[in-house]
Amino acid sequence: MNKVRFKGIVLVIFGSTLWGVSATVAQFLFKQNNFTAEWLVVIRLLLSGILLLGYGLVKKDPGVKNIWKNKKDVITLLSFGILGMIGSQYTYFAAIKHGNAATATILQYLSPVIITCYVAICSKKLPKKSQLVAIILAIVGTFFIITKGDINSLSVSKEALFWGLCSAVGVALYTLQPANLLKKYSVITIIGGGMLIGGIAFCFINPPWKFSGTWSVATVSAVGFVVIFGTLFAYYGYLESLNYIQPIETSILGAFEPLSAAFLSVVWLKNPFGIGDFIGTACIIITTVILAYSKKDNAKEIVEND
């Protein structure tokens, strides 16, 4: 393995793992310190948006200023910030709040299935056989995650299941929505702008000063980790890896996110993780691997039907 490829692999594993760890840290804030998902979302979006756009200005990224000169692009960015960013961020944290980090992260990983179904509807074409296999695996995996293999009972609350599935839809929307903007502007411009817009919009739902929870050295460190490591460094590692390895490899190695979330939630927060969870997680990760190989076809269909 050459150094360039090795660097790309390390970066994507680094970024994905930080996302997973961040989910577990958020669970620690919600479950043990009574923080609200709403407050953490607004703080994460506002601070991360400001820091990302500030980094873009320091790097003299022209898109940070130029995007505001195009009315159509501004409208698209506003839509992305309000629907895509808030839709993916809040539903994810709500799923953690009502369930746990492992379950929320794994359910969020169903987003490639939703994107595949969306592409099939838009293109008026049935999914390929491999994609159908992936969809079936996703359904089987979800069944094991929410029932532990017992059809007569739910192992997660209805609220956790609802928000987890909403999170998958939110990530699919977040992935599809800025496709045209990413052809013209940098990722920093789009993600930073979307986060800042989403954060400002969410202030009308939960202003930053509307807070409940217990402050301590541990919780201050946890909030800092979610914002700095779980957002800035995670996005940087994941997106920077695309400069060194293929997108399909980045998608597959992104499986370190649910794996790290599951591992840490079991080891640190003592969440139970049985054979049903293991089977469900494996099915959904295999689903992602299969659909990663269809990613180019999906992107082509999305562009053609845009």
C-alpha atoms as a PDB file:
ATOM      1  CA  MET A   1       0.000   0.000   0.000  1.00  0.00           C
ATOM      2  CA  ASN A   2       1.475   3.373  -1.020  1.00  0.00           C
ATOM      3  CA  LYS A   3       1.593   6.323   1.355  1.00  0.00           C
ATOM      4  CA  VAL A   4      -1.098   8.315  -0.469  1.00  0.00           C
ATOM      5  CA  ARG A   5      -3.632   5.501  -0.301  1.00  0.00           C
ATOM      6  CA  PHE A   6      -2.733   4.755   3.306  1.00  0.00           C
ATOM      7  CA  LYS A   7      -3.290   8.420   4.216  1.00  0.00           C
ATOM      8  CA  GLY A   8      -6.758   8.350   2.622  1.00  0.00           C
ATOM      9  CA  ILE A   9      -7.740   5.211   4.519  1.00  0.00           C
ATOM     10  CA  VAL A  10      -6.525   6.654   7.818  1.00  0.00           C
ATOM     11  CA  LEU A  11      -8.433   9.905   7.214  1.00  0.00           C
ATOM     12  CA  VAL A  12     -11.777   8.246   6.465  1.00  0.00           C
ATOM     13  CA  ILE A  13     -11.466   5.865   9.419  1.00  0.00           C
ATOM     14  CA  PHE A  14     -10.519   8.833  11.605  1.00  0.00           C
ATOM     15  CA  GLY A  15     -13.509  10.920  10.484  1.00  0.00           C
ATOM     16  CA  SER A  16     -16.044   8.083  10.639  1.00  0.00           C
ATOM     17  CA  THR A  17     -14.870   6.970  14.065  1.00  0.00           C
ATOM     18  CA  LEU A  18     -15.165  10.504  15.407  1.00  0.00           C
ATOM     19  CA  TRP A  19     -18.781  10.635  14.205  1.00  0.00           C
ATOM     20  CA  GLY A  20     -19.513   7.399  16.035  1.00  0.00           C
ATOM     21  CA  VAL A  21     -17.764   8.521  19.217  1.00  0.00           C
ATOM     22  CA  SER A  22     -19.602  11.853  19.020  1.00  0.00           C
ATOM     23  CA  ALA A  23     -22.940  10.003  19.016  1.00  0.00           C
ATOM     24  CA  THR A  24     -21.977   8.179  22.209  1.00  0.00           C
ATOM     25  CA  VAL A  25     -20.830  11.429  23.832  1.00  0.00           C
ATOM     26  CA  ALA A  26     -24.198  12.971  22.923  1.00  0.00           C
ATOM     27  CA  GLN A  27     -25.938  10.037  24.623  1.00  0.00           C
ATOM     28  CA  PHE A  28     -23.843  10.736  27.724  1.00  0.00           C
ATOM     29  CA  LEU A  29     -25.075  14.343  27.716  1.00  0.00           C
ATOM     30  CA  PHE A  30     -28.723  13.378  27.188  1.00  0.00           C
ATOM     31  CA  LYS A  31     -29.069  10.371  29.463  1.00  0.00           C
ATOM     32  CA  GLN A  32     -26.764  11.184  32.342  1.00  0.00           C
ATOM     33  CA  ASN A  33     -26.743  14.977  32.410  1.00  0.00           C
ATOM     34  CA  ASN A  34     -30.237  15.955  31.189  1.00  0.00           C
ATOM     35  CA  PHE A  35     -29.124  18.004  28.188  1.00  0.00           C
ATOM     36  CA  THR A  36     -31.766  18.457  25.491  1.00  0.00           C
ATOM     37  CA  ALA A  37     -31.312  17.389  21.875  1.00  0.00           C
ATOM     38  CA  GLU A  38     -32.657  20.779  20.775  1.00  0.00           C
ATOM     39  CA  TRP A  39     -29.977  22.752  22.616  1.00  0.00           C
ATOM     40  CA  LEU A  40     -27.130  20.541  21.435  1.00  0.00           C
ATOM     41  CA  VAL A  41     -28.332  20.783  17.833  1.00  0.00           C
ATOM     42  CA  VAL A  42     -28.499  24.582  17.801  1.00  0.00           C
ATOM     43  CA  ILE A  43     -25.082  24.923  19.469  1.00  0.00           C
ATOM     44  CA  ARG A  44     -23.475  22.363  17.175  1.00  0.00           C
ATOM     45  CA  LEU A  45     -24.867  23.961  14.004  1.00  0.00           C
ATOM     46  CA  LEU A  46     -24.066  27.549  14.974  1.00  0.00           C
ATOM     47  CA  LEU A  47     -20.531  26.998  16.257  1.00  0.00           C
ATOM     48  CA  SER A  48     -19.550  24.496  13.575  1.00  0.00           C
ATOM     49  CA  GLY A  49     -20.954  26.715  10.814  1.00  0.00           C
ATOM     50  CA  ILE A  50     -19.044  29.747  12.076  1.00  0.00           C
ATOM     51  CA  LEU A  51     -15.801  27.786  12.470  1.00  0.00           C
ATOM     52  CA  LEU A  52     -16.062  26.112   9.055  1.00  0.00           C
ATOM     53  CA  LEU A  53     -16.797  29.358   7.216  1.00  0.00           C
ATOM     54  CA  GLY A  54     -14.038  31.073   9.193  1.00  0.00           C
ATOM     55  CA  TYR A  55     -11.644  28.352   8.089  1.00  0.00           C
ATOM     56  CA  GLY A  56     -12.807  28.877   4.503  1.00  0.00           C
ATOM     57  CA  LEU A  57     -12.075  32.604   4.749  1.00  0.00           C
ATOM     58  CA  VAL A  58      -8.612  31.932   6.157  1.00  0.00           C
ATOM     59  CA  LYS A  59      -7.956  29.506   3.290  1.00  0.00           C
ATOM     60  CA  LYS A  60      -9.257  32.212   0.910  1.00  0.00           C
ATOM     61  CA  ASP A  61     -11.989  29.977  -0.460  1.00  0.00           C
ATOM     62  CA  PRO A  62     -13.785  32.251  -2.986  1.00  0.00           C
ATOM     63  CA  GLY A  63     -17.045  30.340  -2.648  1.00  0.00           C
ATOM     64  CA  VAL A  64     -17.612  31.542   0.927  1.00  0.00           C
ATOM     65  CA  LYS A  65     -18.378  35.026  -0.463  1.00  0.00           C
ATOM     66  CA  ASN A  66     -19.364  34.282  -4.058  1.00  0.00           C
ATOM     67  CA  ILE A  67     -22.288  31.985  -3.250  1.00  0.00           C
ATOM     68  CA  TRP A  68     -24.235  34.936  -1.800  1.00  0.00           C
ATOM     69  CA  LYS A  69     -24.070  36.754  -5.141  1.00  0.00           C
ATOM     70  CA  ASN A  70     -26.251  34.188  -6.930  1.00  0.00           C
ATOM     71  CA  LYS A  71     -29.926  34.365  -5.923  1.00  0.00           C
ATOM     72  CA  LYS A  72     -30.743  30.821  -7.083  1.00  0.00           C
ATOM     73  CA  ASP A  73     -27.782  29.365  -5.190  1.00  0.00           C
ATOM     74  CA  VAL A  74     -28.732  31.305  -2.057  1.00  0.00           C
ATOM     75  CA  ILE A  75     -32.262  29.861  -2.176  1.00  0.00           C
ATOM     76  CA  THR A  76     -30.870  26.344  -2.620  1.00  0.00           C
ATOM     77  CA  LEU A  77     -28.425  26.850   0.254  1.00  0.00           C
ATOM     78  CA  LEU A  78     -31.211  28.178   2.486  1.00  0.00           C
ATOM     79  CA  SER A  79     -33.298  25.117   1.663  1.00  0.00           C
ATOM     80  CA  PHE A  80     -30.349  22.835   2.371  1.00  0.00           C
ATOM     81  CA  GLY A  81     -29.629  24.502   5.700  1.00  0.00           C
ATOM     82  CA  ILE A  82     -33.220  24.396   6.917  1.00  0.00           C
ATOM     83  CA  LEU A  83     -34.374  21.054   5.504  1.00  0.00           C
ATOM     84  CA  GLY A  84     -31.153  19.095   5.009  1.00  0.00           C
ATOM     85  CA  MET A  85     -29.088  20.196   7.980  1.00  0.00           C
ATOM     86  CA  ILE A  86     -31.839  20.481  10.569  1.00  0.00           C
ATOM     87  CA  GLY A  87     -33.564  17.407   9.130  1.00  0.00           C
ATOM     88  CA  SER A  88     -30.492  15.219   9.513  1.00  0.00           C
ATOM     89  CA  GLN A  89     -29.041  16.703  12.712  1.00  0.00           C
ATOM     90  CA  TYR A  90     -32.116  17.014  14.903  1.00  0.00           C
ATOM     91  CA  THR A  91     -33.661  13.653  13.997  1.00  0.00           C
ATOM     92  CA  TYR A  92     -30.338  11.932  14.698  1.00  0.00           C
ATOM     93  CA  PHE A  93     -29.926  13.481  18.143  1.00  0.00           C
ATOM     94  CA  ALA A  94     -33.596  12.862  18.923  1.00  0.00           C
ATOM     95  CA  ALA A  95     -33.088   9.175  18.068  1.00  0.00           C
ATOM     96  CA  ILE A  96     -30.117   9.062  20.478  1.00  0.00           C
ATOM     97  CA  LYS A  97     -32.143  10.867  23.149  1.00  0.00           C
ATOM     98  CA  HIS A  98     -35.035   8.390  22.951  1.00  0.00           C
ATOM     99  CA  GLY A  99     -32.868   5.316  22.350  1.00  0.00           C
ATOM    100  CA  ASN A 100     -29.087   5.024  22.300  1.00  0.00           C
ATOM    101  CA  ALA A 101     -26.150   5.977  20.129  1.00  0.00           C
ATOM    102  CA  ALA A 102     -25.655   2.525  18.609  1.00  0.00           C
ATOM    103  CA  THR A 103     -29.253   2.047  17.474  1.00  0.00           C
ATOM    104  CA  ALA A 104     -29.581   5.621  16.194  1.00  0.00           C
ATOM    105  CA  THR A 105     -26.372   5.403  14.161  1.00  0.00           C
ATOM    106  CA  ILE A 106     -27.230   2.022  12.669  1.00  0.00           C
ATOM    107  CA  LEU A 107     -30.757   3.123  11.687  1.00  0.00           C
ATOM    108  CA  GLN A 108     -29.307   6.273  10.145  1.00  0.00           C
ATOM    109  CA  TYR A 109     -27.186   4.012   7.974  1.00  0.00           C
ATOM    110  CA  LEU A 110     -30.358   3.018   6.093  1.00  0.00           C
ATOM    111  CA  SER A 111     -30.070   6.258   4.114  1.00  0.00           C
ATOM    112  CA  PRO A 112     -28.405   4.592   1.071  1.00  0.00           C
ATOM    113  CA  VAL A 113     -31.491   2.367   0.738  1.00  0.00           C
ATOM    114  CA  ILE A 114     -33.735   5.435   0.693  1.00  0.00           C
ATOM    115  CA  ILE A 115     -31.527   7.089  -1.928  1.00  0.00           C
ATOM    116  CA  THR A 116     -31.626   3.921  -4.061  1.00  0.00           C
ATOM    117  CA  CYS A 117     -35.439   3.831  -3.886  1.00  0.00           C
ATOM    118  CA  TYR A 118     -35.606   7.535  -4.730  1.00  0.00           C
ATOM    119  CA  VAL A 119     -33.415   7.043  -7.782  1.00  0.00           C
ATOM    120  CA  ALA A 120     -35.526   4.070  -8.917  1.00  0.00           C
ATOM    121  CA  ILE A 121     -38.725   6.146  -8.676  1.00  0.00           C
ATOM    122  CA  CYS A 122     -37.217   9.154 -10.466  1.00  0.00           C
ATOM    123  CA  SER A 123     -35.707   7.072 -13.253  1.00  0.00           C
ATOM    124  CA  LYS A 124     -38.790   4.813 -13.461  1.00  0.00           C
ATOM    125  CA  LYS A 125     -36.501   1.804 -13.411  1.00  0.00           C
ATOM    126  CA  LEU A 126     -36.518  -1.145 -11.062  1.00  0.00           C
ATOM    127  CA  PRO A 127     -33.425  -1.449  -8.858  1.00  0.00           C
ATOM    128  CA  LYS A 128     -30.754  -3.896  -9.987  1.00  0.00           C
ATOM    129  CA  LYS A 129     -30.686  -7.381  -8.488  1.00  0.00           C
ATOM    130  CA  SER A 130     -27.799  -6.440  -6.220  1.00  0.00           C
ATOM    131  CA  GLN A 131     -29.718  -3.390  -5.019  1.00  0.00           C
ATOM    132  CA  LEU A 132     -32.813  -5.501  -4.328  1.00  0.00           C
ATOM    133  CA  VAL A 133     -30.657  -7.870  -2.277  1.00  0.00           C
ATOM    134  CA  ALA A 134     -29.318  -4.865  -0.359  1.00  0.00           C
ATOM    135  CA  ILE A 135     -32.833  -3.569   0.330  1.00  0.00           C
ATOM    136  CA  ILE A 136     -33.927  -6.979   1.634  1.00  0.00           C
ATOM    137  CA  LEU A 137     -30.824  -7.135   3.839  1.00  0.00           C
ATOM    138  CA  ALA A 138     -31.627  -3.667   5.179  1.00  0.00           C
ATOM    139  CA  ILE A 139     -35.150  -4.759   6.095  1.00  0.00           C
ATOM    140  CA  VAL A 140     -33.833  -7.891   7.791  1.00  0.00           C
ATOM    141  CA  GLY A 141     -31.178  -5.861   9.611  1.00  0.00           C
ATOM    142  CA  THR A 142     -33.728  -3.316  10.826  1.00  0.00           C
ATOM    143  CA  PHE A 143     -35.953  -6.156  12.068  1.00  0.00           C
ATOM    144  CA  PHE A 144     -33.137  -7.574  14.191  1.00  0.00           C
ATOM    145  CA  ILE A 145     -32.124  -4.152  15.496  1.00  0.00           C
ATOM    146  CA  ILE A 146     -35.614  -3.252  16.712  1.00  0.00           C
ATOM    147  CA  THR A 147     -36.770  -6.687  17.905  1.00  0.00           C
ATOM    148  CA  LYS A 148     -33.560  -8.558  18.834  1.00  0.00           C
ATOM    149  CA  GLY A 149     -35.037 -11.385  16.760  1.00  0.00           C
ATOM    150  CA  ASP A 150     -38.282 -11.622  18.750  1.00  0.00           C
ATOM    151  CA  ILE A 151     -41.187 -10.741  16.441  1.00  0.00           C
ATOM    152  CA  ASN A 152     -43.537 -10.252  19.399  1.00  0.00           C
ATOM    153  CA  SER A 153     -41.672  -7.363  21.013  1.00  0.00           C
ATOM    154  CA  LEU A 154     -39.807  -4.148  20.296  1.00  0.00           C
ATOM    155  CA  SER A 155     -36.386  -3.747  21.885  1.00  0.00           C
ATOM    156  CA  VAL A 156     -36.366  -0.004  21.242  1.00  0.00           C
ATOM    157  CA  SER A 157     -39.023   2.589  22.006  1.00  0.00           C
ATOM    158  CA  LYS A 158     -41.409   3.692  19.277  1.00  0.00           C
ATOM    159  CA  GLU A 159     -39.975   7.190  19.584  1.00  0.00           C
ATOM    160  CA  ALA A 160     -36.411   5.932  19.020  1.00  0.00           C
ATOM    161  CA  LEU A 161     -37.526   3.913  15.999  1.00  0.00           C
ATOM    162  CA  PHE A 162     -39.475   6.838  14.561  1.00  0.00           C
ATOM    163  CA  TRP A 163     -36.637   9.333  14.938  1.00  0.00           C
ATOM    164  CA  GLY A 164     -34.057   6.812  13.755  1.00  0.00           C
ATOM    165  CA  LEU A 165     -35.949   6.210  10.517  1.00  0.00           C
ATOM    166  CA  CYS A 166     -36.535   9.953  10.150  1.00  0.00           C
ATOM    167  CA  SER A 167     -32.781  10.385  10.545  1.00  0.00           C
ATOM    168  CA  ALA A 168     -32.168   8.029   7.614  1.00  0.00           C
ATOM    169  CA  VAL A 169     -34.578  10.097   5.505  1.00  0.00           C
ATOM    170  CA  GLY A 170     -32.880  13.278   6.702  1.00  0.00           C
ATOM    171  CA  VAL A 171     -29.427  12.029   5.688  1.00  0.00           C
ATOM    172  CA  ALA A 172     -30.775  10.972   2.277  1.00  0.00           C
ATOM    173  CA  LEU A 173     -32.207  14.467   1.801  1.00  0.00           C
ATOM    174  CA  TYR A 174     -28.971  16.002   3.082  1.00  0.00           C
ATOM    175  CA  THR A 175     -27.022  13.921   0.541  1.00  0.00           C
ATOM    176  CA  LEU A 176     -29.227  14.632  -2.475  1.00  0.00           C
ATOM    177  CA  GLN A 177     -30.149  18.267  -1.900  1.00  0.00           C
ATOM    178  CA  PRO A 178     -26.825  20.087  -2.485  1.00  0.00           C
ATOM    179  CA  ALA A 179     -25.739  18.052  -5.551  1.00  0.00           C
ATOM    180  CA  ASN A 180     -25.748  21.039  -7.934  1.00  0.00           C
ATOM    181  CA  LEU A 181     -24.131  23.402  -5.424  1.00  0.00           C
ATOM    182  CA  LEU A 182     -21.219  21.002  -4.936  1.00  0.00           C
ATOM    183  CA  LYS A 183     -20.420  21.310  -8.653  1.00  0.00           C
ATOM    184  CA  LYS A 184     -19.753  25.024  -8.194  1.00  0.00           C
ATOM    185  CA  TYR A 185     -18.554  25.487  -4.616  1.00  0.00           C
ATOM    186  CA  SER A 186     -16.332  23.768  -2.090  1.00  0.00           C
ATOM    187  CA  VAL A 187     -17.596  21.382   0.555  1.00  0.00           C
ATOM    188  CA  ILE A 188     -16.524  23.868   3.245  1.00  0.00           C
ATOM    189  CA  THR A 189     -18.745  26.552   1.709  1.00  0.00           C
ATOM    190  CA  ILE A 190     -21.796  24.294   1.422  1.00  0.00           C
ATOM    191  CA  ILE A 191     -21.480  22.466   4.747  1.00  0.00           C
ATOM    192  CA  GLY A 192     -20.420  25.571   6.688  1.00  0.00           C
ATOM    193  CA  GLY A 193     -23.116  27.740   5.112  1.00  0.00           C
ATOM    194  CA  GLY A 194     -25.761  25.058   5.591  1.00  0.00           C
ATOM    195  CA  MET A 195     -24.842  24.594   9.250  1.00  0.00           C
ATOM    196  CA  LEU A 196     -24.898  28.317   9.983  1.00  0.00           C
ATOM    197  CA  ILE A 197     -28.256  28.783   8.243  1.00  0.00           C
ATOM    198  CA  GLY A 198     -29.683  25.725   9.976  1.00  0.00           C
ATOM    199  CA  GLY A 199     -28.402  26.963  13.331  1.00  0.00           C
ATOM    200  CA  ILE A 200     -29.917  30.432  12.869  1.00  0.00           C
ATOM    201  CA  ALA A 201     -33.250  28.921  11.807  1.00  0.00           C
ATOM    202  CA  PHE A 202     -33.256  26.515  14.751  1.00  0.00           C
ATOM    203  CA  CYS A 203     -32.775  29.458  17.134  1.00  0.00           C
ATOM    204  CA  PHE A 204     -36.482  30.197  16.586  1.00  0.00           C
ATOM    205  CA  ILE A 205     -37.277  26.715  17.919  1.00  0.00           C
ATOM    206  CA  ASN A 206     -34.707  26.562  20.696  1.00  0.00           C
ATOM    207  CA  PRO A 207     -32.520  29.651  21.257  1.00  0.00           C
ATOM    208  CA  PRO A 208     -29.009  28.909  22.572  1.00  0.00           C
ATOM    209  CA  TRP A 209     -29.798  30.495  25.940  1.00  0.00           C
ATOM    210  CA  LYS A 210     -32.732  28.090  26.530  1.00  0.00           C
ATOM    211  CA  PHE A 211     -30.739  25.447  28.341  1.00  0.00           C
ATOM    212  CA  SER A 212     -31.298  22.610  30.764  1.00  0.00           C
ATOM    213  CA  GLY A 213     -28.734  20.177  32.055  1.00  0.00           C
ATOM    214  CA  THR A 214     -25.835  19.839  34.455  1.00  0.00           C
ATOM    215  CA  TRP A 215     -22.607  21.688  33.797  1.00  0.00           C
ATOM    216  CA  SER A 216     -19.319  20.123  34.896  1.00  0.00           C
ATOM    217  CA  VAL A 217     -15.829  19.660  33.510  1.00  0.00           C
ATOM    218  CA  ALA A 218     -17.033  16.440  31.900  1.00  0.00           C
ATOM    219  CA  THR A 219     -20.069  17.996  30.181  1.00  0.00           C
ATOM    220  CA  VAL A 220     -18.130  21.059  28.978  1.00  0.00           C
ATOM    221  CA  SER A 221     -15.548  18.674  27.491  1.00  0.00           C
ATOM    222  CA  ALA A 222     -18.325  16.587  25.955  1.00  0.00           C
ATOM    223  CA  VAL A 223     -19.974  19.559  24.239  1.00  0.00           C
ATOM    224  CA  GLY A 224     -16.583  20.698  22.985  1.00  0.00           C
ATOM    225  CA  PHE A 225     -15.900  17.214  21.623  1.00  0.00           C
ATOM    226  CA  VAL A 226     -19.223  17.099  19.742  1.00  0.00           C
ATOM    227  CA  VAL A 227     -18.574  20.492  18.126  1.00  0.00           C
ATOM    228  CA  ILE A 228     -14.826  20.286  17.450  1.00  0.00           C
ATOM    229  CA  PHE A 229     -14.007  16.612  16.993  1.00  0.00           C
ATOM    230  CA  GLY A 230     -17.424  15.216  16.145  1.00  0.00           C
ATOM    231  CA  THR A 231     -18.097  17.883  13.539  1.00  0.00           C
ATOM    232  CA  LEU A 232     -15.087  19.840  12.271  1.00  0.00           C
ATOM    233  CA  PHE A 233     -12.414  17.141  12.453  1.00  0.00           C
ATOM    234  CA  ALA A 234     -14.846  14.394  11.458  1.00  0.00           C
ATOM    235  CA  TYR A 235     -16.014  16.225   8.336  1.00  0.00           C
ATOM    236  CA  TYR A 236     -12.448  17.187   7.461  1.00  0.00           C
ATOM    237  CA  GLY A 237     -11.141  13.632   7.761  1.00  0.00           C
ATOM    238  CA  TYR A 238     -13.994  12.067   5.839  1.00  0.00           C
ATOM    239  CA  LEU A 239     -14.080  14.605   2.996  1.00  0.00           C
ATOM    240  CA  GLU A 240     -10.293  15.027   2.748  1.00  0.00           C
ATOM    241  CA  SER A 241      -9.991  11.261   2.234  1.00  0.00           C
ATOM    242  CA  LEU A 242     -11.701  11.697  -1.151  1.00  0.00           C
ATOM    243  CA  ASN A 243      -8.485  13.315  -2.389  1.00  0.00           C
ATOM    244  CA  TYR A 244      -6.568  10.078  -1.804  1.00  0.00           C
ATOM    245  CA  ILE A 245      -8.943   7.128  -2.267  1.00  0.00           C
ATOM    246  CA  GLN A 246     -12.018   6.326  -4.342  1.00  0.00           C
ATOM    247  CA  PRO A 247     -15.484   7.450  -3.133  1.00  0.00           C
ATOM    248  CA  ILE A 248     -16.630   3.829  -3.059  1.00  0.00           C
ATOM    249  CA  GLU A 249     -13.854   3.021  -0.569  1.00  0.00           C
ATOM    250  CA  THR A 250     -14.769   6.053   1.519  1.00  0.00           C
ATOM    251  CA  SER A 251     -18.402   4.892   1.650  1.00  0.00           C
ATOM    252  CA  ILE A 252     -17.446   1.394   2.739  1.00  0.00           C
ATOM    253  CA  LEU A 253     -14.927   2.508   5.363  1.00  0.00           C
ATOM    254  CA  GLY A 254     -17.577   4.876   6.686  1.00  0.00           C
ATOM    255  CA  ALA A 255     -18.927   1.762   8.419  1.00  0.00           C
ATOM    256  CA  PHE A 256     -16.513   2.607  11.226  1.00  0.00           C
ATOM    257  CA  GLU A 257     -19.134   5.137  12.374  1.00  0.00           C
ATOM    258  CA  PRO A 258     -21.809   2.632  13.510  1.00  0.00           C
ATOM    259  CA  LEU A 259     -19.130   0.186  14.651  1.00  0.00           C
ATOM    260  CA  SER A 260     -17.417   2.761  16.884  1.00  0.00           C
ATOM    261  CA  ALA A 261     -20.776   3.992  18.211  1.00  0.00           C
ATOM    262  CA  ALA A 262     -21.866   0.441  19.063  1.00  0.00           C
ATOM    263  CA  PHE A 263     -18.523  -0.477  20.636  1.00  0.00           C
ATOM    264  CA  LEU A 264     -18.226   2.632  22.796  1.00  0.00           C
ATOM    265  CA  SER A 265     -21.867   2.590  23.902  1.00  0.00           C
ATOM    266  CA  VAL A 266     -21.409  -0.984  25.131  1.00  0.00           C
ATOM    267  CA  VAL A 267     -18.008  -0.469  26.777  1.00  0.00           C
ATOM    268  CA  TRP A 268     -18.543   3.016  28.208  1.00  0.00           C
ATOM    269  CA  LEU A 269     -22.303   3.441  28.686  1.00  0.00           C
ATOM    270  CA  LYS A 270     -23.012  -0.253  29.304  1.00  0.00           C
ATOM    271  CA  ASN A 271     -25.750  -0.550  26.672  1.00  0.00           C
ATOM    272  CA  PRO A 272     -26.692  -4.196  25.984  1.00  0.00           C
ATOM    273  CA  PHE A 273     -25.646  -5.507  22.566  1.00  0.00           C
ATOM    274  CA  GLY A 274     -26.799  -9.051  21.866  1.00  0.00           C
ATOM    275  CA  ILE A 275     -26.757 -11.448  18.943  1.00  0.00           C
ATOM    276  CA  GLY A 276     -29.791  -9.731  17.393  1.00  0.00           C
ATOM    277  CA  ASP A 277     -27.974  -6.392  17.396  1.00  0.00           C
ATOM    278  CA  PHE A 278     -24.906  -8.026  15.894  1.00  0.00           C
ATOM    279  CA  ILE A 279     -26.896  -9.663  13.072  1.00  0.00           C
ATOM    280  CA  GLY A 280     -28.806  -6.445  12.373  1.00  0.00           C
ATOM    281  CA  THR A 281     -25.659  -4.332  12.317  1.00  0.00           C
ATOM    282  CA  ALA A 282     -23.899  -6.777   9.996  1.00  0.00           C
ATOM    283  CA  CYS A 283     -26.872  -6.807   7.588  1.00  0.00           C
ATOM    284  CA  ILE A 284     -27.031  -3.015   7.374  1.00  0.00           C
ATOM    285  CA  ILE A 285     -23.270  -2.625   6.915  1.00  0.00           C
ATOM    286  CA  ILE A 286     -23.300  -5.257   4.152  1.00  0.00           C
ATOM    287  CA  THR A 287     -26.184  -3.306   2.595  1.00  0.00           C
ATOM    288  CA  THR A 288     -24.024  -0.188   2.544  1.00  0.00           C
ATOM    289  CA  VAL A 289     -21.125  -2.070   0.936  1.00  0.00           C
ATOM    290  CA  ILE A 290     -23.388  -3.419  -1.822  1.00  0.00           C
ATOM    291  CA  LEU A 291     -24.977  -0.040  -2.511  1.00  0.00           C
ATOM    292  CA  ALA A 292     -21.579   1.679  -2.488  1.00  0.00           C
ATOM    293  CA  TYR A 293     -20.814  -0.174  -5.696  1.00  0.00           C
ATOM    294  CA  SER A 294     -23.954   1.342  -7.220  1.00  0.00           C
ATOM    295  CA  LYS A 295     -23.074   4.850  -6.131  1.00  0.00           C
ATOM    296  CA  LYS A 296     -21.864   6.005  -9.543  1.00  0.00           C
ATOM    297  CA  ASP A 297     -25.041   4.801 -11.205  1.00  0.00           C
ATOM    298  CA  ASN A 298     -27.143   6.523  -8.554  1.00  0.00           C
ATOM    299  CA  ALA A 299     -25.276   9.804  -9.004  1.00  0.00           C
ATOM    300  CA  LYS A 300     -25.758   9.625 -12.757  1.00  0.00           C
ATOM    301  CA  GLU A 301     -29.505   9.010 -12.395  1.00  0.00           C
ATOM    302  CA  ILE A 302     -29.847  11.858  -9.894  1.00  0.00           C
ATOM    303  CA  VAL A 303     -28.149  14.301 -12.276  1.00  0.00           C
ATOM    304  CA  GLU A 304     -30.238  13.133 -15.229  1.00  0.00           C
ATOM    305  CA  ASN A 305     -33.479  13.547 -13.285  1.00  0.00           C
ATOM    306  CA  ASP A 306     -32.576  16.798 -11.573  1.00  0.00           C
END
